[in-house]
Amino acid sequence: MASQGSVSVTEAAKHLTVNPSTASRILATLEADGFAVRGEKQRYFPGSSALHFGQTLVTPPLHERLRPHLERLFSLVHETVHVATLVGTTVHHNDCIVATVRALILASRMGKRLPAHLASSGKAMLADLAPAVVNARYAPTDQGSIPQAVAFNLRDLHEEIDKARTQGFAVNVESTEQGLVALAVSLGHIGGEHMALSVALPLARYSSASRREISDALLTVQHEVRTAFSSDEIAQHTGML
């Protein structure tokens, strides 16, 4: 795309020596992550993320710019908080503040990767995507396996992310780790990265009251982030992909 200006599914398949269906899924993922934009005649053009390739970074990394908002969230909930990024079907944790004063302490997930369909932050970010894009990400490969070699019901995943869209946040109750609960909100695409904030706590401290308190704090900080970042930097892709 960078050298030719745009590429079609057929051209991508030929260049990558893969089937057109595989090329289509790759391009859909690139589009969802901001590296490509679909234009007329089903051609894909470089997206906002791809336009920065080869350029000198003149602003701090995004997770550093989000640090004040992570600290703000921590001050509201006094539980372990993370910033996460969605890459394909995996959640990457970029920053963390651990609640060390609590009786039960959850360790940092910094550098840890989790399946997006299980993690609260993953489900919150998948909820930004159109159902067809979610299906494309989890479509079987040419070898017949789905990403991460996990067998799960795609219908159940859509029910989970539909719920996240409706209530504005996603929840993970012991899906990724026994005894752990996490709530998360998506921040949308900021600077080409799909970002989320999450709060993790032991199941023993989870209740309807703590759920309400944490979800309110997450939605408050989500609004503050979207206010702080310009419309040129942040984009919510719901219904567009």
Protein backbone atom coordinates (compact mmCIF):
# COMPACT_ATOMS: atom_id res chain seq x y z
CA MET A 1 0.00 0.00 0.00
CA ALA A 2 2.83 2.39 0.88
CA SER A 3 4.70 1.88 -2.41
CA GLN A 4 1.70 1.61 -4.74
CA GLY A 5 -0.75 3.93 -2.98
CA SER A 6 -3.48 1.29 -2.69
CA VAL A 7 -4.04 -2.43 -3.05
CA SER A 8 -6.97 -4.72 -3.83
CA VAL A 9 -7.71 -8.06 -2.18
CA THR A 10 -6.59 -9.88 -5.32
CA GLU A 11 -3.33 -7.93 -5.49
CA ALA A 12 -2.67 -8.53 -1.79
CA ALA A 13 -3.32 -12.26 -2.18
CA LYS A 14 -0.90 -12.46 -5.10
CA HIS A 15 1.78 -10.45 -3.29
CA LEU A 16 1.49 -12.57 -0.11
CA THR A 17 0.96 -15.85 -2.02
CA VAL A 18 -2.16 -16.66 -0.02
CA ASN A 19 -5.81 -17.31 -0.85
CA PRO A 20 -8.01 -14.22 -1.46
CA SER A 21 -10.08 -15.13 1.64
CA THR A 22 -6.93 -15.01 3.78
CA ALA A 23 -5.85 -11.72 2.19
CA SER A 24 -9.31 -10.29 2.86
CA ARG A 25 -9.06 -11.20 6.57
CA ILE A 26 -5.58 -9.65 6.79
CA LEU A 27 -6.77 -6.42 5.18
CA ALA A 28 -9.84 -6.35 7.47
CA THR A 29 -7.55 -6.61 10.50
CA LEU A 30 -5.26 -3.87 9.15
CA GLU A 31 -8.32 -1.70 8.58
CA ALA A 32 -9.67 -2.32 12.08
CA ASP A 33 -6.33 -1.39 13.66
CA GLY A 34 -6.01 1.83 11.65
CA PHE A 35 -3.26 0.66 9.27
CA ALA A 36 -5.55 0.66 6.23
CA VAL A 37 -8.64 2.48 4.96
CA ARG A 38 -11.09 0.88 2.52
CA GLY A 39 -11.95 3.16 -0.38
CA GLU A 40 -13.85 2.94 -3.64
CA LYS A 41 -13.85 -0.26 -5.68
CA GLN A 42 -12.80 -2.22 -2.57
CA ARG A 43 -9.24 -0.88 -2.65
CA TYR A 44 -7.29 -0.39 0.57
CA PHE A 45 -5.20 2.73 1.21
CA PRO A 46 -2.66 3.44 3.98
CA GLY A 47 -4.40 4.40 7.24
CA SER A 48 -3.32 6.90 9.89
CA SER A 49 -1.04 4.38 11.64
CA ALA A 50 0.74 3.38 8.43
CA LEU A 51 1.42 7.00 7.54
CA HIS A 52 3.83 7.22 10.49
CA PHE A 53 6.12 4.43 9.29
CA GLY A 54 9.70 5.65 8.99
CA GLN A 55 9.03 8.98 10.70
CA THR A 56 10.80 10.20 13.81
CA LEU A 57 8.60 9.98 16.88
CA VAL A 58 8.04 13.55 18.04
CA THR A 59 5.48 12.84 20.77
CA PRO A 60 5.81 10.51 23.78
CA PRO A 61 4.47 6.96 23.46
CA LEU A 62 0.72 6.82 23.81
CA HIS A 63 0.76 4.88 27.09
CA GLU A 64 2.89 7.66 28.61
CA ARG A 65 0.37 10.28 27.51
CA LEU A 66 -2.40 8.18 29.05
CA ARG A 67 -0.53 7.80 32.34
CA PRO A 68 -2.23 10.78 34.04
CA HIS A 69 -5.61 9.28 33.20
CA LEU A 70 -4.51 5.90 34.55
CA GLU A 71 -3.46 7.62 37.78
CA ARG A 72 -6.81 9.40 37.88
CA LEU A 73 -8.64 6.06 37.54
CA PHE A 74 -6.50 4.55 40.28
CA SER A 75 -7.34 7.45 42.60
CA LEU A 76 -11.05 6.72 42.11
CA VAL A 77 -11.04 2.94 42.58
CA HIS A 78 -7.89 2.11 44.62
CA GLU A 79 -7.63 -1.18 42.72
CA THR A 80 -5.07 -2.42 40.18
CA VAL A 81 -5.52 -0.60 36.87
CA HIS A 82 -4.11 -1.22 33.38
CA VAL A 83 -3.85 0.37 29.96
CA ALA A 84 -4.24 -2.23 27.20
CA THR A 85 -4.02 -2.38 23.41
CA LEU A 86 -5.93 -4.67 21.04
CA VAL A 87 -3.78 -6.35 18.39
CA GLY A 88 -5.77 -8.74 16.23
CA THR A 89 -7.36 -11.10 18.76
CA THR A 90 -4.87 -10.45 21.57
CA VAL A 91 -4.75 -7.87 24.37
CA HIS A 92 -1.36 -6.36 25.20
CA HIS A 93 -0.90 -4.61 28.57
CA ASN A 94 1.17 -1.43 28.23
CA ASP A 95 1.01 0.23 31.65
CA CYS A 96 -0.18 -0.57 35.16
CA ILE A 97 -0.59 0.75 38.69
CA VAL A 98 -0.83 -1.96 41.36
CA ALA A 99 -3.00 -1.49 44.45
CA THR A 100 -0.31 -2.38 46.98
CA VAL A 101 -2.21 -1.21 50.06
CA ARG A 102 -4.97 -3.79 49.70
CA ALA A 103 -5.10 -6.97 51.77
CA LEU A 104 -5.27 -9.06 48.59
CA ILE A 105 -2.93 -7.73 45.88
CA LEU A 106 -3.16 -8.48 42.16
CA ALA A 107 0.16 -8.51 40.34
CA SER A 108 0.84 -6.33 37.31
CA ARG A 109 -0.06 -7.75 33.88
CA MET A 110 2.54 -5.49 32.23
CA GLY A 111 3.89 -7.22 29.15
CA LYS A 112 1.35 -10.04 29.47
CA ARG A 113 -0.86 -10.95 26.53
CA LEU A 114 -4.37 -12.32 26.94
CA PRO A 115 -7.01 -13.64 24.51
CA ALA A 116 -9.29 -10.72 23.63
CA HIS A 117 -12.45 -12.84 23.83
CA LEU A 118 -11.74 -13.58 27.52
CA ALA A 119 -10.26 -10.33 28.86
CA SER A 120 -12.57 -7.47 29.87
CA SER A 121 -10.45 -4.95 27.94
CA GLY A 122 -10.51 -7.22 24.89
CA LYS A 123 -14.29 -7.54 24.94
CA ALA A 124 -14.65 -3.77 25.43
CA MET A 125 -12.52 -3.07 22.36
CA LEU A 126 -14.10 -5.81 20.23
CA ALA A 127 -17.42 -4.10 20.97
CA ASP A 128 -16.14 -1.12 18.95
CA LEU A 129 -15.95 -3.27 15.83
CA ALA A 130 -18.72 -4.23 13.46
CA PRO A 131 -19.81 -7.89 13.76
CA ALA A 132 -18.36 -8.69 10.33
CA VAL A 133 -14.92 -7.49 11.44
CA VAL A 134 -15.09 -9.58 14.61
CA ASN A 135 -16.06 -12.61 12.51
CA ALA A 136 -13.17 -11.96 10.14
CA ARG A 137 -10.69 -11.84 13.01
CA TYR A 138 -11.90 -15.15 14.39
CA ALA A 139 -12.43 -16.89 11.05
CA PRO A 140 -10.65 -20.24 10.63
CA THR A 141 -7.29 -20.11 8.88
CA ASP A 142 -6.48 -22.11 5.76
CA GLN A 143 -5.38 -24.89 8.12
CA GLY A 144 -8.82 -24.93 9.75
CA SER A 145 -7.84 -23.47 13.12
CA ILE A 146 -9.03 -20.20 14.62
CA PRO A 147 -6.64 -17.61 16.10
CA GLN A 148 -4.79 -18.77 19.25
CA ALA A 149 -6.08 -22.29 18.61
CA VAL A 150 -8.98 -21.73 21.02
CA ALA A 151 -12.31 -23.39 20.55
CA PHE A 152 -15.20 -21.20 21.65
CA ASN A 153 -18.66 -20.25 20.57
CA LEU A 154 -18.59 -17.13 18.41
CA ARG A 155 -22.27 -16.56 19.17
CA ASP A 156 -21.42 -16.35 22.89
CA LEU A 157 -18.71 -13.80 22.12
CA HIS A 158 -21.16 -11.63 20.17
CA GLU A 159 -23.59 -11.80 23.11
CA GLU A 160 -20.78 -10.66 25.43
CA ILE A 161 -19.73 -7.74 23.26
CA ASP A 162 -23.36 -6.76 22.59
CA LYS A 163 -23.79 -6.53 26.35
CA ALA A 164 -20.63 -4.40 26.57
CA ARG A 165 -22.00 -2.03 23.90
CA THR A 166 -25.29 -1.67 25.79
CA GLN A 167 -23.87 -1.01 29.26
CA GLY A 168 -20.75 0.84 28.09
CA PHE A 169 -18.23 -1.47 29.78
CA ALA A 170 -17.18 -5.13 29.72
CA VAL A 171 -16.72 -7.59 32.58
CA ASN A 172 -14.49 -10.64 33.04
CA VAL A 173 -15.35 -12.87 35.99
CA GLU A 174 -12.64 -15.56 36.35
CA SER A 175 -12.39 -16.01 32.57
CA THR A 176 -8.64 -15.35 32.46
CA GLU A 177 -7.65 -16.28 36.01
CA GLN A 178 -9.34 -17.99 38.95
CA GLY A 179 -10.39 -15.57 41.67
CA LEU A 180 -10.01 -12.48 39.45
CA VAL A 181 -12.63 -10.01 38.24
CA ALA A 182 -11.93 -7.19 35.78
CA LEU A 183 -14.01 -4.39 34.28
CA ALA A 184 -12.94 -2.32 31.29
CA VAL A 185 -13.93 0.45 28.90
CA SER A 186 -12.65 1.08 25.41
CA LEU A 187 -11.04 4.42 24.59
CA GLY A 188 -11.46 3.84 20.86
CA HIS A 189 -8.61 4.31 18.39
CA ILE A 190 -6.13 6.93 19.58
CA GLY A 191 -3.25 7.75 17.29
CA GLY A 192 -3.90 4.56 15.37
CA GLU A 193 -3.88 2.30 18.45
CA HIS A 194 -6.98 0.61 19.84
CA MET A 195 -6.84 1.30 23.59
CA ALA A 196 -8.73 0.39 26.77
CA LEU A 197 -8.61 1.01 30.50
CA SER A 198 -9.32 -1.80 32.97
CA VAL A 199 -9.69 -2.32 36.70
CA ALA A 200 -8.85 -5.71 38.24
CA LEU A 201 -9.73 -6.94 41.72
CA PRO A 202 -10.07 -10.21 43.64
CA LEU A 203 -13.44 -11.93 43.43
CA ALA A 204 -13.68 -11.61 47.22
CA ARG A 205 -13.98 -7.81 46.89
CA TYR A 206 -16.46 -7.90 44.01
CA SER A 207 -20.09 -6.98 44.69
CA SER A 208 -22.94 -5.09 43.05
CA ALA A 209 -21.77 -1.98 44.90
CA SER A 210 -18.13 -2.30 43.79
CA ARG A 211 -19.26 -3.06 40.23
CA ARG A 212 -21.30 0.16 40.18
CA GLU A 213 -18.48 2.21 41.72
CA ILE A 214 -15.82 0.85 39.34
CA SER A 215 -17.96 1.11 36.21
CA ASP A 216 -18.85 4.72 37.08
CA ALA A 217 -15.15 5.53 37.54
CA LEU A 218 -14.23 3.87 34.24
CA LEU A 219 -16.92 5.76 32.32
CA THR A 220 -15.86 9.02 33.98
CA VAL A 221 -12.21 8.61 32.99
CA GLN A 222 -13.22 7.41 29.52
CA HIS A 223 -15.07 10.70 29.03
CA GLU A 224 -12.08 12.66 30.33
CA VAL A 225 -9.71 10.91 27.91
CA ARG A 226 -11.97 11.60 24.95
CA THR A 227 -12.19 15.24 26.03
CA ALA A 228 -8.42 15.56 26.49
CA PHE A 229 -7.45 14.07 23.13
CA SER A 230 -8.34 15.92 19.97
CA SER A 231 -10.85 14.56 17.47
CA ASP A 232 -7.98 14.17 15.00
CA GLU A 233 -6.28 11.70 17.34
CA ILE A 234 -9.20 9.70 18.64
CA ALA A 235 -11.72 7.78 16.58
CA GLN A 236 -14.51 5.40 17.52
CA HIS A 237 -14.95 2.92 14.69
CA THR A 238 -18.29 1.49 15.76
CA GLY A 239 -20.32 0.54 12.71
CA MET A 240 -17.62 1.66 10.28
CA LEU A 241 -15.58 -1.52 10.01
